[in-house]
Amino acid sequence: MPHVRLLFAIAICTFLVSVFGFQRDSLGQVAERIDSQLGRKLPANQDDPSAVKALEAAGFALTKNDAGQVVECSTASDSDVSAVLANLAGIPNTQKLVLSGPGVTDQGMENLTKLTQLKRLDLTDSAIGDETMKSIGKLPSLEVLTLRRTGFTNAGLAEISGSTKLRALDLRNSNVTDAGLTHLSGLKKLVDLQLEKASVKDEGIKALQGLPLKSINLNYCTTISDAGLQMLCNIKTLQSIQLDSTKITDTGMAGVAKLKNLRRLRIRDCDVTGEGFAHIANLTQLGRLELRMSSLDDAGLAVVCQLPKVTFLDISECRLVSAAALQQIGQLKGLTYLGLWETKLNDEAFSAFGELTSLTELNLEATHLTDAAVPTLLKLQNLSNLNLSGTQLQDAGFQKLRGLPKLKKLSVKNTSIGFDVVDELVEARSDLEVIE
């Protein structure tokens, strides 16, 4: 009955013309005019062109998806942007927002609440305080919040205690104390917590024990001691712990043995010896060890070199490890990064490294290597970044490094390399940066 459908379509068109005054409008215009005349709003997820234009004019960087909707917005400003923030309501599909600089204050930040789809908010180095935290606490979709070097207080953290979807929280270089950490105990999806240089102590760790944390950063929280580490070790979900320049010792390391899922251990500048490292012997998932300037000794390195999945090892400035013990590193054939700056490494010990062919970055600064180490270096064909500053290599040795096909960066500071050899290397390898 095609004629019936045709007559019906004509009748509808006649009705639209008579009631709404449509003539030659496009389908989009027709829909818009119907919504207008019936008192309906445009789709909630539609960007406001005037808001987009205003944000761009103010220097905001906008990223759009395939549908042309703004999904990311960022700015860094020294001047006041509060008036511009009213335009955030016009980009309701935004999922990531970055606002930094002293021009970003509490003023105008109530407009954040219009971004109901916002998942990631970064306010690093802004001048916001607790008033903005009230608006942040009203964001229903927020998953990642970065507040590094901002002026919120413990009271501000209370405002986000109900952010049930929050999974990553960066509070580095902030004023948060143990009292503030109590407001985080209800964030049951929080897996990543960054507290570097915050004013937290052992007592504050108690509030975190019920969280499903996978990663925690307490670097330079200088009052954290073995008692705090023991409480951390009750969080069996932890995969990464960072405790640079804290007061942990061999005693506290006993609890680390319970963290069977641990993949990263960073304890730079901590007084942990072989006795403490013995407790990680069965942590077979460990892949990244940052032990620089710790009290690592020969016994501790022996434990490390038996771990099967280590790909990143930094023992720079670990001066208690002997040259003979360093040969054991040659067993870690999965290494991609190795840092040995200012260790006792010599040519004989380095000769044991010939099978570390997965290495892409190698720091040998201020070690005792000479040209005798070059044959071993040439076996490491995947090296892209090599630091030989402060070593005893001579021109002949440096010239041979052209044989490393993937080398992109070579540091030769404080060596006897001649200017002509540097020029020769650069001319022979246009893709090679030589750092003098």
Protein backbone atom coordinates (compact mmCIF):
# COMPACT_ATOMS: atom_id res chain seq x y z
CA MET A 1 0.00 0.00 0.00
CA PRO A 2 2.60 2.54 -1.09
CA HIS A 3 -0.02 5.16 -1.95
CA VAL A 4 -1.35 5.11 1.60
CA ARG A 5 2.16 5.76 3.06
CA LEU A 6 2.66 8.57 0.56
CA LEU A 7 -0.64 10.23 1.49
CA PHE A 8 0.27 9.87 5.19
CA ALA A 9 3.66 11.55 4.63
CA ILE A 10 2.05 14.44 2.75
CA ALA A 11 -0.45 14.90 5.55
CA ILE A 12 2.36 15.03 8.15
CA CYS A 13 4.28 17.63 6.14
CA THR A 14 1.12 19.72 5.73
CA PHE A 15 0.53 19.55 9.45
CA LEU A 16 4.11 20.64 10.24
CA VAL A 17 3.88 23.60 7.88
CA SER A 18 0.52 24.72 9.26
CA VAL A 19 1.38 24.29 12.93
CA PHE A 20 5.10 25.09 13.13
CA GLY A 21 5.68 27.07 9.96
CA PHE A 22 8.28 24.67 8.50
CA GLN A 23 9.09 25.20 4.85
CA ARG A 24 12.48 24.21 3.43
CA ASP A 25 14.33 23.53 6.66
CA SER A 26 16.83 20.71 6.93
CA LEU A 27 16.00 17.74 9.11
CA GLY A 28 18.29 19.14 11.84
CA GLN A 29 16.61 22.51 11.67
CA VAL A 30 13.18 20.86 11.80
CA ALA A 31 14.13 18.91 14.94
CA GLU A 32 15.59 22.00 16.56
CA ARG A 33 12.47 24.07 15.85
CA ILE A 34 10.17 21.36 17.18
CA ASP A 35 12.17 21.27 20.43
CA SER A 36 12.04 25.04 20.60
CA GLN A 37 8.31 25.33 20.06
CA LEU A 38 7.48 22.51 22.42
CA GLY A 39 9.72 24.01 25.12
CA ARG A 40 12.24 21.17 25.10
CA LYS A 41 16.01 21.52 25.58
CA LEU A 42 18.63 20.44 23.08
CA PRO A 43 20.42 17.13 23.82
CA ALA A 44 22.37 17.35 27.08
CA ASN A 45 25.58 16.06 25.48
CA GLN A 46 25.72 18.67 22.74
CA ASP A 47 28.65 21.12 22.93
CA ASP A 48 27.84 24.81 22.96
CA PRO A 49 29.72 26.35 19.99
CA SER A 50 29.97 29.71 21.73
CA ALA A 51 31.51 28.09 24.82
CA VAL A 52 34.03 26.21 22.70
CA LYS A 53 34.95 29.42 20.92
CA ALA A 54 35.35 31.32 24.21
CA LEU A 55 37.60 28.65 25.69
CA GLU A 56 39.79 28.53 22.60
CA ALA A 57 40.02 32.33 22.55
CA ALA A 58 41.23 32.23 26.17
CA GLY A 59 44.05 29.84 25.23
CA PHE A 60 42.52 26.59 26.46
CA ALA A 61 43.65 23.52 24.51
CA LEU A 62 40.72 21.35 23.47
CA THR A 63 40.77 17.78 22.19
CA LYS A 64 37.75 16.40 20.34
CA ASN A 65 36.57 12.87 19.63
CA ASP A 66 35.48 11.51 16.25
CA ALA A 67 32.02 12.98 16.79
CA GLY A 68 33.51 16.45 17.22
CA GLN A 69 32.76 16.62 20.96
CA VAL A 70 35.30 18.12 23.34
CA VAL A 71 36.63 15.33 25.57
CA GLU A 72 39.80 16.95 26.93
CA CYS A 73 40.45 20.51 28.07
CA SER A 74 43.60 22.08 29.53
CA THR A 75 45.27 25.37 30.32
CA ALA A 76 48.20 26.73 32.32
CA SER A 77 47.71 30.36 33.21
CA ASP A 78 49.37 33.03 35.31
CA SER A 79 46.38 35.34 34.90
CA ASP A 80 42.88 34.96 36.32
CA VAL A 81 40.74 32.49 34.33
CA SER A 82 37.74 32.42 36.66
CA ALA A 83 35.42 34.23 34.22
CA VAL A 84 36.22 31.77 31.46
CA LEU A 85 35.38 28.73 33.59
CA ALA A 86 31.65 29.40 33.19
CA ASN A 87 32.09 27.98 29.69
CA LEU A 88 32.84 24.52 31.08
CA ALA A 89 29.07 23.98 31.11
CA GLY A 90 29.22 24.15 27.32
CA ILE A 91 31.53 21.13 26.98
CA PRO A 92 29.60 18.48 28.98
CA ASN A 93 31.37 15.50 27.37
CA THR A 94 34.76 16.41 28.83
CA GLN A 95 36.46 13.44 30.50
CA LYS A 96 39.86 15.00 31.25
CA LEU A 97 40.52 18.49 32.60
CA VAL A 98 43.92 20.02 33.40
CA LEU A 99 44.03 23.45 35.06
CA SER A 100 47.35 24.74 36.39
CA GLY A 101 49.08 27.97 37.26
CA PRO A 102 48.43 30.77 39.77
CA GLY A 103 45.58 32.08 37.60
CA VAL A 104 43.52 29.07 38.64
CA THR A 105 41.97 29.79 42.06
CA ASP A 106 38.80 28.79 43.92
CA GLN A 107 36.92 31.51 42.07
CA GLY A 108 34.81 30.07 39.27
CA MET A 109 35.59 26.45 40.15
CA GLU A 110 31.96 25.78 41.08
CA ASN A 111 31.55 25.27 37.33
CA LEU A 112 33.36 21.95 37.66
CA THR A 113 30.10 20.39 38.81
CA LYS A 114 28.69 20.77 35.29
CA LEU A 115 31.17 18.17 34.04
CA THR A 116 29.28 15.06 35.05
CA GLN A 117 31.34 12.81 32.76
CA LEU A 118 34.71 14.04 34.05
CA LYS A 119 37.01 11.13 34.92
CA ARG A 120 40.43 12.79 35.26
CA LEU A 121 41.11 16.12 36.98
CA ASP A 122 44.63 17.56 37.30
CA LEU A 123 45.10 20.78 39.29
CA THR A 124 48.88 20.56 39.74
CA ASP A 125 50.52 23.88 40.66
CA SER A 126 47.20 25.74 40.77
CA ALA A 127 46.16 28.11 43.58
CA ILE A 128 43.03 26.23 44.60
CA GLY A 129 42.07 25.48 48.20
CA ASP A 130 39.35 23.80 50.21
CA GLU A 131 36.52 25.66 48.47
CA THR A 132 37.34 23.93 45.20
CA MET A 133 37.44 20.59 47.00
CA LYS A 134 33.72 21.00 47.70
CA SER A 135 33.03 21.08 43.95
CA ILE A 136 35.38 18.16 43.30
CA GLY A 137 33.44 16.09 45.80
CA LYS A 138 30.32 16.51 43.67
CA LEU A 139 31.83 15.00 40.51
CA PRO A 140 30.03 11.66 40.07
CA SER A 141 32.40 10.06 37.55
CA LEU A 142 35.80 11.15 38.90
CA GLU A 143 38.42 8.40 38.86
CA VAL A 144 41.79 10.19 38.89
CA LEU A 145 42.55 13.33 40.92
CA THR A 146 45.91 15.12 40.96
CA LEU A 147 46.44 17.85 43.56
CA ARG A 148 50.22 18.10 43.55
CA ARG A 149 51.59 21.32 45.02
CA THR A 150 48.18 22.82 45.81
CA GLY A 151 46.92 24.49 48.99
CA PHE A 152 44.08 22.26 50.16
CA THR A 153 44.04 21.15 53.80
CA ASN A 154 42.85 18.10 55.72
CA ALA A 155 39.38 19.67 55.78
CA GLY A 156 39.42 19.72 52.00
CA LEU A 157 40.09 15.99 51.86
CA ALA A 158 36.92 15.45 53.87
CA GLU A 159 34.99 16.90 50.91
CA ILE A 160 36.07 14.03 48.62
CA SER A 161 35.55 11.24 51.14
CA GLY A 162 32.44 10.16 49.22
CA SER A 163 34.11 9.94 45.80
CA THR A 164 33.29 6.28 45.40
CA LYS A 165 34.81 5.89 41.92
CA LEU A 166 38.18 7.45 42.77
CA ARG A 167 40.98 5.02 41.99
CA ALA A 168 44.08 7.26 41.84
CA LEU A 169 44.89 10.21 44.11
CA ASP A 170 48.04 12.33 43.87
CA LEU A 171 48.73 14.40 47.01
CA ARG A 172 52.47 14.93 46.52
CA ASN A 173 54.07 18.05 48.00
CA SER A 174 50.90 18.86 49.94
CA ASN A 175 49.98 19.83 53.49
CA VAL A 176 48.09 16.61 54.23
CA THR A 177 48.80 15.04 57.63
CA ASP A 178 47.72 11.88 59.43
CA ALA A 179 44.39 13.52 60.27
CA GLY A 180 43.72 14.03 56.57
CA LEU A 181 44.40 10.40 55.73
CA THR A 182 41.46 9.33 57.87
CA HIS A 183 39.16 10.90 55.26
CA LEU A 184 40.46 8.44 52.65
CA SER A 185 39.41 5.28 54.47
CA GLY A 186 36.09 5.12 52.62
CA LEU A 187 37.59 5.28 49.11
CA LYS A 188 37.12 1.57 48.48
CA LYS A 189 38.31 1.71 44.86
CA LEU A 190 41.52 3.60 45.56
CA VAL A 191 44.48 1.65 44.17
CA ASP A 192 47.12 4.37 43.68
CA LEU A 193 48.05 6.89 46.39
CA GLN A 194 50.90 9.40 46.00
CA LEU A 195 52.01 11.04 49.27
CA GLU A 196 55.59 12.06 48.46
CA LYS A 197 56.79 14.91 50.70
CA ALA A 198 53.50 15.05 52.59
CA SER A 199 53.53 15.51 56.37
CA VAL A 200 52.39 12.01 57.24
CA LYS A 201 53.78 9.73 59.94
CA ASP A 202 53.52 6.07 60.92
CA GLU A 203 50.22 6.62 62.71
CA GLY A 204 48.55 7.83 59.52
CA ILE A 205 49.17 4.51 57.77
CA LYS A 206 46.51 2.89 59.95
CA ALA A 207 43.73 4.63 58.03
CA LEU A 208 44.96 3.11 54.77
CA GLN A 209 45.03 -0.54 55.79
CA GLY A 210 41.50 -1.26 54.61
CA LEU A 211 42.06 0.09 51.10
CA PRO A 212 42.77 -2.08 48.03
CA LEU A 213 45.99 -0.18 47.27
CA LYS A 214 48.31 -1.48 44.59
CA SER A 215 50.75 1.43 44.65
CA ILE A 216 51.82 3.84 47.39
CA ASN A 217 54.47 6.55 47.26
CA LEU A 218 55.85 7.79 50.61
CA ASN A 219 59.14 9.13 49.28
CA TYR A 220 60.70 11.78 51.54
CA CYS A 221 58.09 11.28 54.26
CA THR A 222 61.13 11.27 56.49
CA THR A 223 59.43 10.23 59.73
CA ILE A 224 58.02 6.98 58.32
CA SER A 225 59.82 4.14 60.10
CA ASP A 226 59.69 0.36 60.46
CA ALA A 227 56.39 0.65 62.32
CA GLY A 228 54.77 2.34 59.34
CA LEU A 229 56.25 -0.18 56.91
CA GLN A 230 54.85 -3.04 58.97
CA MET A 231 51.36 -1.54 58.69
CA LEU A 232 51.81 -1.07 54.94
CA CYS A 233 52.68 -4.73 54.65
CA ASN A 234 49.20 -5.61 55.90
CA ILE A 235 47.88 -4.31 52.57
CA LYS A 236 48.39 -7.55 50.67
CA THR A 237 47.26 -6.02 47.37
CA LEU A 238 50.34 -3.78 47.14
CA GLN A 239 52.41 -4.16 44.00
CA SER A 240 54.56 -1.03 44.31
CA ILE A 241 56.03 0.71 47.36
CA GLN A 242 58.26 3.79 47.34
CA LEU A 243 60.01 4.80 50.56
CA ASP A 244 63.00 6.99 49.60
CA SER A 245 64.75 8.74 52.50
CA THR A 246 62.54 7.21 55.17
CA LYS A 247 63.75 5.61 58.41
CA ILE A 248 63.12 2.00 57.46
CA THR A 249 65.76 -0.59 58.37
CA ASP A 250 66.35 -4.32 58.12
CA THR A 251 63.79 -4.84 60.89
CA GLY A 252 60.95 -3.30 58.89
CA MET A 253 61.83 -5.30 55.79
CA ALA A 254 60.64 -8.49 57.48
CA GLY A 255 57.05 -7.52 56.71
CA VAL A 256 57.78 -7.03 53.01
CA ALA A 257 58.04 -10.80 52.66
CA LYS A 258 54.22 -10.90 52.94
CA LEU A 259 53.72 -8.83 49.78
CA LYS A 260 53.66 -11.70 47.32
CA ASN A 261 52.40 -9.47 44.51
CA LEU A 262 55.16 -6.87 44.88
CA ARG A 263 56.54 -5.77 41.52
CA ARG A 264 58.34 -2.53 42.41
CA LEU A 265 60.50 -1.73 45.42
CA ARG A 266 62.00 1.74 45.72
CA ILE A 267 63.98 2.39 48.90
CA ARG A 268 66.67 4.84 47.85
CA ASP A 269 68.75 6.39 50.62
CA CYS A 270 67.56 3.86 53.21
CA ASP A 271 69.67 1.89 55.67
CA VAL A 272 68.79 -1.60 54.48
CA THR A 273 71.55 -4.22 54.28
CA GLY A 274 71.76 -7.82 53.15
CA GLU A 275 69.92 -8.87 56.30
CA GLY A 276 66.91 -6.84 55.18
CA PHE A 277 67.11 -7.86 51.54
CA ALA A 278 66.99 -11.52 52.58
CA HIS A 279 63.26 -10.97 53.18
CA ILE A 280 62.56 -10.36 49.48
CA ALA A 281 64.17 -13.59 48.29
CA ASN A 282 60.81 -15.24 47.58
CA LEU A 283 59.12 -12.23 45.95
CA THR A 284 59.37 -13.70 42.48
CA GLN A 285 57.19 -11.04 40.85
CA LEU A 286 59.66 -8.22 41.58
CA GLY A 287 60.67 -6.54 38.33
CA ARG A 288 61.81 -3.04 39.32
CA LEU A 289 64.33 -2.36 42.08
CA GLU A 290 65.51 1.18 42.86
CA LEU A 291 68.07 0.87 45.63
CA ARG A 292 70.35 3.83 44.95
CA MET A 293 72.44 5.06 47.89
CA SER A 294 71.05 2.34 50.15
CA SER A 295 73.15 0.10 52.38
CA LEU A 296 73.00 -2.75 49.85
CA ASP A 297 75.99 -5.05 50.31
CA ASP A 298 77.31 -8.21 48.67
CA ALA A 299 74.81 -10.42 50.49
CA GLY A 300 71.91 -8.20 49.48
CA LEU A 301 72.99 -8.14 45.83
CA ALA A 302 73.20 -11.93 45.84
CA VAL A 303 69.50 -12.02 46.77
CA VAL A 304 68.57 -9.49 44.10
CA CYS A 305 70.44 -11.37 41.38
CA GLN A 306 68.39 -14.51 42.01
CA LEU A 307 65.06 -12.80 41.34
CA PRO A 308 63.76 -14.11 38.00
CA LYS A 309 61.81 -11.13 36.64
CA VAL A 310 64.01 -8.11 37.30
CA THR A 311 64.11 -5.77 34.30
CA PHE A 312 65.07 -2.50 36.05
CA LEU A 313 67.90 -2.27 38.55
CA ASP A 314 69.47 0.88 39.97
CA ILE A 315 72.18 0.41 42.59
CA SER A 316 74.04 3.65 41.91
CA GLU A 317 76.06 4.94 44.88
CA CYS A 318 75.75 1.61 46.66
CA ARG A 319 79.35 1.74 47.83
CA LEU A 320 79.24 -1.35 50.05
CA VAL A 321 79.04 -3.74 47.08
CA SER A 322 82.39 -5.13 45.97
CA ALA A 323 83.56 -5.35 42.36
CA ALA A 324 83.58 -9.14 42.57
CA ALA A 325 79.96 -9.24 43.74
CA LEU A 326 78.88 -7.00 40.85
CA GLN A 327 79.65 -9.85 38.43
CA GLN A 328 76.45 -11.54 39.62
CA ILE A 329 74.40 -8.95 37.76
CA GLY A 330 75.29 -10.83 34.60
CA GLN A 331 72.67 -13.40 35.63
CA LEU A 332 69.82 -10.90 35.22
CA LYS A 333 69.39 -11.44 31.49
CA GLY A 334 66.03 -9.70 31.34
CA LEU A 335 67.44 -6.32 32.37
CA THR A 336 66.47 -3.37 30.19
CA TYR A 337 67.82 -0.67 32.57
CA LEU A 338 70.92 -0.86 34.74
CA GLY A 339 72.29 1.97 36.89
CA LEU A 340 75.78 1.55 38.34
CA TRP A 341 76.88 5.14 38.76
CA GLU A 342 79.69 5.54 41.29
CA THR A 343 79.97 1.87 42.18
CA LYS A 344 83.15 -0.23 42.32
CA LEU A 345 82.55 -1.69 38.85
CA ASN A 346 85.78 -2.46 36.96
CA ASP A 347 86.64 -4.10 33.65
CA GLU A 348 86.84 -7.61 35.10
CA ALA A 349 83.40 -7.42 36.71
CA PHE A 350 81.90 -5.82 33.61
CA SER A 351 83.13 -8.67 31.42
CA ALA A 352 80.41 -10.82 33.04
CA PHE A 353 77.69 -8.62 31.52
CA GLY A 354 78.02 -9.81 27.94
CA GLU A 355 74.68 -11.64 27.94
CA LEU A 356 72.64 -8.64 29.10
CA THR A 357 71.52 -8.14 25.52
CA SER A 358 68.10 -6.75 26.42
CA LEU A 359 69.63 -3.63 27.94
CA THR A 360 68.48 -0.38 26.35
CA GLU A 361 69.82 2.01 28.99
CA LEU A 362 73.08 1.66 30.90
CA ASN A 363 74.57 4.15 33.37
CA LEU A 364 78.25 3.52 34.05
CA GLU A 365 79.16 7.03 35.18
CA ALA A 366 82.13 7.37 37.55
CA THR A 367 83.00 3.67 37.44
CA HIS A 368 86.48 2.24 36.84
CA LEU A 369 86.02 1.15 33.24
CA THR A 370 88.69 1.50 30.54
CA ASP A 371 88.91 0.59 26.87
CA ALA A 372 89.09 -3.04 28.00
CA ALA A 373 85.33 -2.85 28.61
CA VAL A 374 84.52 -1.98 24.99
CA PRO A 375 84.30 -5.58 23.65
CA THR A 376 81.60 -6.30 26.24
CA LEU A 377 79.80 -3.05 25.46
CA LEU A 378 79.67 -4.02 21.79
CA LYS A 379 77.77 -7.18 22.68
CA LEU A 380 74.93 -5.04 24.05
CA GLN A 381 73.46 -4.30 20.63
CA ASN A 382 70.14 -2.94 21.91
CA LEU A 383 71.66 -0.06 23.86
CA SER A 384 70.06 3.28 23.03
CA ASN A 385 71.28 5.34 26.01
CA LEU A 386 74.80 4.91 27.37
CA ASN A 387 76.45 7.01 30.08
CA LEU A 388 80.23 6.74 30.23
CA SER A 389 80.87 10.07 31.95
CA GLY A 390 83.79 10.02 34.34
CA THR A 391 85.17 6.69 33.09
CA GLN A 392 88.71 6.02 31.83
CA LEU A 393 87.86 5.21 28.21
CA GLN A 394 90.18 6.72 25.63
CA ASP A 395 89.62 7.95 22.07
CA ALA A 396 90.20 4.50 20.55
CA GLY A 397 87.54 2.99 22.77
CA PHE A 398 84.98 5.70 22.07
CA GLN A 399 85.51 5.37 18.32
CA LYS A 400 84.49 1.72 18.42
CA LEU A 401 81.11 2.58 19.93
CA ARG A 402 79.90 3.33 16.40
CA GLY A 403 79.31 -0.40 16.36
CA LEU A 404 76.25 -0.04 18.59
CA PRO A 405 73.53 0.27 15.92
CA LYS A 406 70.68 1.52 18.16
CA LEU A 407 72.68 4.01 20.22
CA LYS A 408 70.93 7.40 20.32
CA LYS A 409 72.50 9.10 23.33
CA LEU A 410 76.08 8.87 24.56
CA SER A 411 77.31 10.85 27.59
CA VAL A 412 81.08 11.48 27.69
CA LYS A 413 81.34 14.28 30.27
CA ASN A 414 84.51 14.36 32.36
CA THR A 415 86.41 11.97 30.10
CA SER A 416 89.53 12.48 27.99
CA ILE A 417 87.68 12.14 24.67
CA GLY A 418 89.04 14.47 22.01
CA PHE A 419 86.93 17.04 20.19
CA ASP A 420 87.87 15.41 16.89
CA VAL A 421 86.52 12.05 18.08
CA VAL A 422 83.23 13.65 19.13
CA ASP A 423 82.95 15.22 15.66
CA GLU A 424 83.81 11.90 14.06
CA LEU A 425 81.10 10.07 15.99
CA VAL A 426 78.46 12.68 15.14
CA GLU A 427 79.41 12.69 11.47
CA ALA A 428 79.37 8.90 11.27
CA ARG A 429 76.06 8.61 13.12
CA SER A 430 73.68 11.48 12.42
CA ASP A 431 71.14 9.94 14.80
CA LEU A 432 73.57 9.94 17.72
CA GLU A 433 73.58 12.68 20.39
CA VAL A 434 76.92 13.01 22.15
CA ILE A 435 76.66 14.82 25.49
CA GLU A 436 79.93 16.49 26.46
